[in-house]
Amino acid sequence: MTKSQLIEAIVASRGFPRKAVEVAVNTIFDGMVEALQHDERIEIRGFGNFTVRRYKEYVGRNPKTGDKVHVPEKLMPFFKVGKELRERINDGQVDDYDDDDE
């Protein structure tokens, strides 16, 4: 689902004006990006958590030429699905994965 499809689904299910829904969705996403930029954790109960992981710099190899390539330190967003969402996707089937940190 794309962002525009999400907006259309909300408009169709709730009857809110499209422009108002678009502003609300953009505001939520902008707030999430800003929080992650400030290294804050985002927790949406029943859905999952967004965090930023730091990856140290390293020396890699160009797969085409085999030359060494310096890869700088980088930050990557990471999403960990919540137990409730995982169970809903699996039609309520409980899997063997025991997630103690939720």
N, C-alpha and C. Protein backbone atom coordinates (compact mmCIF):
# COMPACT_ATOMS: atom_id res chain seq x y z
N MET A 1 0.85 -1.18 0.00
CA MET A 1 0.00 0.00 0.00
C MET A 1 0.89 1.24 0.00
N THR A 2 0.60 2.16 -0.87
CA THR A 2 1.34 3.41 -0.93
C THR A 2 0.68 4.44 -0.01
N LYS A 3 1.37 5.56 0.20
CA LYS A 3 0.80 6.61 1.05
C LYS A 3 -0.50 7.14 0.44
N SER A 4 -0.54 7.32 -0.86
CA SER A 4 -1.77 7.83 -1.49
C SER A 4 -2.91 6.81 -1.38
N GLN A 5 -2.58 5.52 -1.44
CA GLN A 5 -3.62 4.49 -1.25
C GLN A 5 -4.12 4.49 0.19
N LEU A 6 -3.23 4.73 1.16
CA LEU A 6 -3.64 4.84 2.56
C LEU A 6 -4.60 6.01 2.73
N ILE A 7 -4.26 7.14 2.15
CA ILE A 7 -5.12 8.33 2.24
C ILE A 7 -6.48 8.03 1.64
N GLU A 8 -6.50 7.41 0.48
CA GLU A 8 -7.78 7.08 -0.18
C GLU A 8 -8.60 6.09 0.65
N ALA A 9 -7.94 5.12 1.29
CA ALA A 9 -8.66 4.15 2.12
C ALA A 9 -9.31 4.83 3.32
N ILE A 10 -8.60 5.79 3.92
CA ILE A 10 -9.16 6.51 5.06
C ILE A 10 -10.34 7.37 4.61
N VAL A 11 -10.19 8.06 3.49
CA VAL A 11 -11.27 8.88 2.95
C VAL A 11 -12.50 8.01 2.67
N ALA A 12 -12.29 6.85 2.05
CA ALA A 12 -13.40 5.96 1.70
C ALA A 12 -14.09 5.38 2.92
N SER A 13 -13.31 5.03 3.96
CA SER A 13 -13.92 4.37 5.12
C SER A 13 -14.53 5.34 6.13
N ARG A 14 -14.02 6.57 6.18
CA ARG A 14 -14.50 7.53 7.19
C ARG A 14 -15.23 8.73 6.63
N GLY A 15 -15.06 8.98 5.34
CA GLY A 15 -15.75 10.10 4.72
C GLY A 15 -15.16 11.46 5.03
N PHE A 16 -13.95 11.51 5.57
CA PHE A 16 -13.29 12.78 5.84
C PHE A 16 -12.86 13.41 4.53
N PRO A 17 -12.72 14.73 4.50
CA PRO A 17 -12.22 15.37 3.28
C PRO A 17 -10.81 14.90 2.95
N ARG A 18 -10.54 14.68 1.66
CA ARG A 18 -9.24 14.15 1.24
C ARG A 18 -8.10 15.03 1.70
N LYS A 19 -8.25 16.34 1.58
CA LYS A 19 -7.17 17.27 1.94
C LYS A 19 -6.85 17.16 3.43
N ALA A 20 -7.86 17.03 4.27
CA ALA A 20 -7.65 16.92 5.72
C ALA A 20 -6.92 15.62 6.06
N VAL A 21 -7.30 14.54 5.40
CA VAL A 21 -6.65 13.25 5.63
C VAL A 21 -5.20 13.31 5.16
N GLU A 22 -4.98 13.93 4.01
CA GLU A 22 -3.62 14.05 3.48
C GLU A 22 -2.73 14.84 4.45
N VAL A 23 -3.25 15.93 4.99
CA VAL A 23 -2.49 16.73 5.96
C VAL A 23 -2.19 15.90 7.21
N ALA A 24 -3.17 15.17 7.69
CA ALA A 24 -2.99 14.36 8.90
C ALA A 24 -1.93 13.27 8.69
N VAL A 25 -2.03 12.56 7.59
CA VAL A 25 -1.07 11.48 7.30
C VAL A 25 0.34 12.05 7.14
N ASN A 26 0.48 13.15 6.40
CA ASN A 26 1.79 13.77 6.23
C ASN A 26 2.35 14.27 7.55
N THR A 27 1.50 14.82 8.41
CA THR A 27 1.94 15.30 9.72
C THR A 27 2.45 14.14 10.58
N ILE A 28 1.75 13.03 10.56
CA ILE A 28 2.17 11.85 11.32
C ILE A 28 3.52 11.34 10.81
N PHE A 29 3.64 11.18 9.50
CA PHE A 29 4.89 10.67 8.94
C PHE A 29 6.05 11.63 9.17
N ASP A 30 5.80 12.93 9.01
CA ASP A 30 6.85 13.93 9.27
C ASP A 30 7.30 13.88 10.73
N GLY A 31 6.35 13.70 11.64
CA GLY A 31 6.69 13.60 13.05
C GLY A 31 7.52 12.36 13.34
N MET A 32 7.20 11.26 12.68
CA MET A 32 7.97 10.03 12.87
C MET A 32 9.39 10.20 12.35
N VAL A 33 9.54 10.81 11.18
CA VAL A 33 10.88 11.03 10.62
C VAL A 33 11.69 11.93 11.55
N GLU A 34 11.07 12.98 12.05
CA GLU A 34 11.77 13.90 12.95
C GLU A 34 12.21 13.19 14.23
N ALA A 35 11.35 12.35 14.78
CA ALA A 35 11.71 11.60 15.98
C ALA A 35 12.89 10.68 15.72
N LEU A 36 12.88 9.98 14.59
CA LEU A 36 13.98 9.08 14.26
C LEU A 36 15.27 9.87 14.00
N GLN A 37 15.16 11.07 13.42
CA GLN A 37 16.34 11.91 13.21
C GLN A 37 16.97 12.31 14.54
N HIS A 38 16.14 12.42 15.60
CA HIS A 38 16.64 12.77 16.92
C HIS A 38 16.95 11.52 17.76
N ASP A 39 17.06 10.38 17.08
CA ASP A 39 17.43 9.10 17.71
C ASP A 39 16.42 8.68 18.77
N GLU A 40 15.17 9.04 18.56
CA GLU A 40 14.10 8.63 19.47
C GLU A 40 13.46 7.35 18.96
N ARG A 41 12.96 6.57 19.89
CA ARG A 41 12.27 5.32 19.57
C ARG A 41 10.78 5.62 19.43
N ILE A 42 10.14 5.04 18.43
CA ILE A 42 8.71 5.20 18.22
C ILE A 42 8.04 3.87 18.53
N GLU A 43 7.10 3.89 19.45
CA GLU A 43 6.38 2.66 19.81
C GLU A 43 4.90 2.87 19.55
N ILE A 44 4.34 2.02 18.70
CA ILE A 44 2.91 2.03 18.43
C ILE A 44 2.37 0.71 18.95
N ARG A 45 1.77 0.75 20.11
CA ARG A 45 1.30 -0.48 20.77
C ARG A 45 0.39 -1.28 19.86
N GLY A 46 0.63 -2.57 19.82
CA GLY A 46 -0.16 -3.46 18.98
C GLY A 46 0.29 -3.49 17.53
N PHE A 47 1.24 -2.63 17.17
CA PHE A 47 1.71 -2.55 15.79
C PHE A 47 3.20 -2.87 15.70
N GLY A 48 4.02 -2.07 16.40
CA GLY A 48 5.46 -2.33 16.39
C GLY A 48 6.27 -1.14 16.82
N ASN A 49 7.58 -1.26 16.72
CA ASN A 49 8.52 -0.22 17.14
C ASN A 49 9.43 0.18 15.99
N PHE A 50 9.71 1.46 15.91
CA PHE A 50 10.68 1.98 14.96
C PHE A 50 11.87 2.50 15.75
N THR A 51 13.07 2.12 15.34
CA THR A 51 14.28 2.61 15.97
C THR A 51 15.30 2.91 14.87
N VAL A 52 16.40 3.52 15.28
CA VAL A 52 17.49 3.79 14.36
C VAL A 52 18.67 2.95 14.80
N ARG A 53 19.24 2.22 13.87
CA ARG A 53 20.43 1.42 14.17
C ARG A 53 21.64 2.08 13.52
N ARG A 54 22.73 2.09 14.27
CA ARG A 54 23.99 2.65 13.77
C ARG A 54 24.86 1.51 13.25
N TYR A 55 25.39 1.69 12.06
CA TYR A 55 26.29 0.71 11.48
C TYR A 55 27.66 1.37 11.35
N LYS A 56 28.67 0.74 11.93
CA LYS A 56 30.03 1.28 11.91
C LYS A 56 30.59 1.25 10.49
N GLU A 57 31.57 2.12 10.26
CA GLU A 57 32.24 2.13 8.97
C GLU A 57 33.04 0.84 8.81
N TYR A 58 33.25 0.46 7.57
CA TYR A 58 34.03 -0.75 7.30
C TYR A 58 34.61 -0.67 5.89
N VAL A 59 35.51 -1.58 5.61
CA VAL A 59 36.07 -1.68 4.27
C VAL A 59 35.38 -2.84 3.56
N GLY A 60 34.69 -2.52 2.48
CA GLY A 60 34.00 -3.53 1.71
C GLY A 60 34.70 -3.76 0.38
N ARG A 61 34.07 -4.53 -0.45
CA ARG A 61 34.64 -4.80 -1.78
C ARG A 61 33.59 -4.51 -2.84
N ASN A 62 34.05 -3.92 -3.93
CA ASN A 62 33.19 -3.71 -5.08
C ASN A 62 32.98 -5.08 -5.73
N PRO A 63 31.74 -5.57 -5.82
CA PRO A 63 31.52 -6.92 -6.36
C PRO A 63 31.93 -7.07 -7.82
N LYS A 64 31.92 -5.98 -8.57
CA LYS A 64 32.29 -6.05 -9.99
C LYS A 64 33.79 -6.15 -10.18
N THR A 65 34.52 -5.27 -9.47
CA THR A 65 35.97 -5.18 -9.70
C THR A 65 36.81 -5.85 -8.63
N GLY A 66 36.21 -6.07 -7.45
CA GLY A 66 36.97 -6.65 -6.35
C GLY A 66 37.80 -5.63 -5.59
N ASP A 67 37.76 -4.36 -6.02
CA ASP A 67 38.51 -3.30 -5.34
C ASP A 67 37.95 -3.04 -3.95
N LYS A 68 38.84 -2.65 -3.04
CA LYS A 68 38.40 -2.27 -1.69
C LYS A 68 37.68 -0.93 -1.76
N VAL A 69 36.60 -0.82 -0.99
CA VAL A 69 35.79 0.39 -0.96
C VAL A 69 35.52 0.75 0.50
N HIS A 70 35.75 2.01 0.85
CA HIS A 70 35.45 2.47 2.20
C HIS A 70 33.96 2.76 2.30
N VAL A 71 33.28 2.13 3.26
CA VAL A 71 31.86 2.36 3.48
C VAL A 71 31.75 3.14 4.79
N PRO A 72 31.26 4.38 4.74
CA PRO A 72 31.20 5.20 5.95
C PRO A 72 30.12 4.71 6.93
N GLU A 73 30.23 5.19 8.17
CA GLU A 73 29.21 4.89 9.18
C GLU A 73 27.86 5.38 8.65
N LYS A 74 26.80 4.64 8.98
CA LYS A 74 25.48 5.04 8.51
C LYS A 74 24.43 4.72 9.55
N LEU A 75 23.33 5.42 9.46
CA LEU A 75 22.16 5.19 10.30
C LEU A 75 21.07 4.59 9.43
N MET A 76 20.42 3.57 9.95
CA MET A 76 19.36 2.92 9.18
C MET A 76 18.13 2.77 10.06
N PRO A 77 16.94 3.12 9.55
CA PRO A 77 15.73 2.88 10.32
C PRO A 77 15.44 1.38 10.37
N PHE A 78 14.90 0.96 11.50
CA PHE A 78 14.61 -0.46 11.70
C PHE A 78 13.22 -0.58 12.31
N PHE A 79 12.43 -1.53 11.83
CA PHE A 79 11.09 -1.78 12.34
C PHE A 79 11.01 -3.17 12.93
N LYS A 80 10.49 -3.26 14.14
CA LYS A 80 10.27 -4.55 14.77
C LYS A 80 8.77 -4.70 14.97
N VAL A 81 8.20 -5.71 14.35
CA VAL A 81 6.76 -5.92 14.41
C VAL A 81 6.33 -6.31 15.83
N GLY A 82 5.17 -5.82 16.25
CA GLY A 82 4.62 -6.15 17.56
C GLY A 82 3.94 -7.50 17.55
N LYS A 83 3.82 -8.07 18.72
CA LYS A 83 3.24 -9.40 18.87
C LYS A 83 1.79 -9.44 18.37
N GLU A 84 0.99 -8.43 18.71
CA GLU A 84 -0.41 -8.41 18.30
C GLU A 84 -0.55 -8.37 16.77
N LEU A 85 0.24 -7.54 16.10
CA LEU A 85 0.18 -7.47 14.65
C LEU A 85 0.64 -8.79 14.02
N ARG A 86 1.70 -9.36 14.56
CA ARG A 86 2.21 -10.63 14.04
C ARG A 86 1.13 -11.71 14.16
N GLU A 87 0.43 -11.73 15.29
CA GLU A 87 -0.62 -12.73 15.48
C GLU A 87 -1.81 -12.49 14.56
N ARG A 88 -2.16 -11.21 14.36
CA ARG A 88 -3.28 -10.89 13.47
C ARG A 88 -2.96 -11.28 12.03
N ILE A 89 -1.72 -11.08 11.62
CA ILE A 89 -1.33 -11.46 10.26
C ILE A 89 -1.38 -12.97 10.10
N ASN A 90 -1.05 -13.68 11.16
CA ASN A 90 -1.05 -15.14 11.12
C ASN A 90 -2.40 -15.71 11.57
N ASP A 91 -3.47 -14.92 11.45
CA ASP A 91 -4.83 -15.34 11.81
C ASP A 91 -4.92 -15.89 13.22
N GLY A 92 -4.23 -15.24 14.15
CA GLY A 92 -4.32 -15.63 15.54
C GLY A 92 -3.48 -16.82 15.91
N GLN A 93 -2.77 -17.42 14.96
CA GLN A 93 -1.90 -18.55 15.27
C GLN A 93 -0.70 -18.04 16.05
N VAL A 94 -0.43 -18.66 17.18
CA VAL A 94 0.73 -18.28 17.97
C VAL A 94 1.93 -19.04 17.44
N ASP A 95 3.01 -18.30 17.14
CA ASP A 95 4.19 -18.97 16.63
C ASP A 95 5.12 -19.34 17.77
N ASP A 96 6.18 -20.06 17.46
CA ASP A 96 7.11 -20.52 18.47
C ASP A 96 8.07 -19.45 18.95
N TYR A 97 8.05 -18.30 18.29
CA TYR A 97 8.96 -17.20 18.65
C TYR A 97 8.45 -16.55 19.93
N ASP A 98 9.27 -16.58 20.97
CA ASP A 98 8.91 -15.99 22.25
C ASP A 98 9.57 -14.63 22.35
N ASP A 99 8.76 -13.56 22.32
CA ASP A 99 9.29 -12.21 22.32
C ASP A 99 9.11 -11.59 23.70
N ASP A 100 10.16 -11.63 24.53
CA ASP A 100 10.06 -11.17 25.89
C ASP A 100 10.18 -9.67 26.04
N ASP A 101 10.71 -8.93 25.04
CA ASP A 101 10.92 -7.51 25.23
C ASP A 101 9.78 -6.66 24.69
N GLU A 102 8.58 -7.19 24.63
CA GLU A 102 7.41 -6.38 24.25
C GLU A 102 6.50 -6.22 25.43
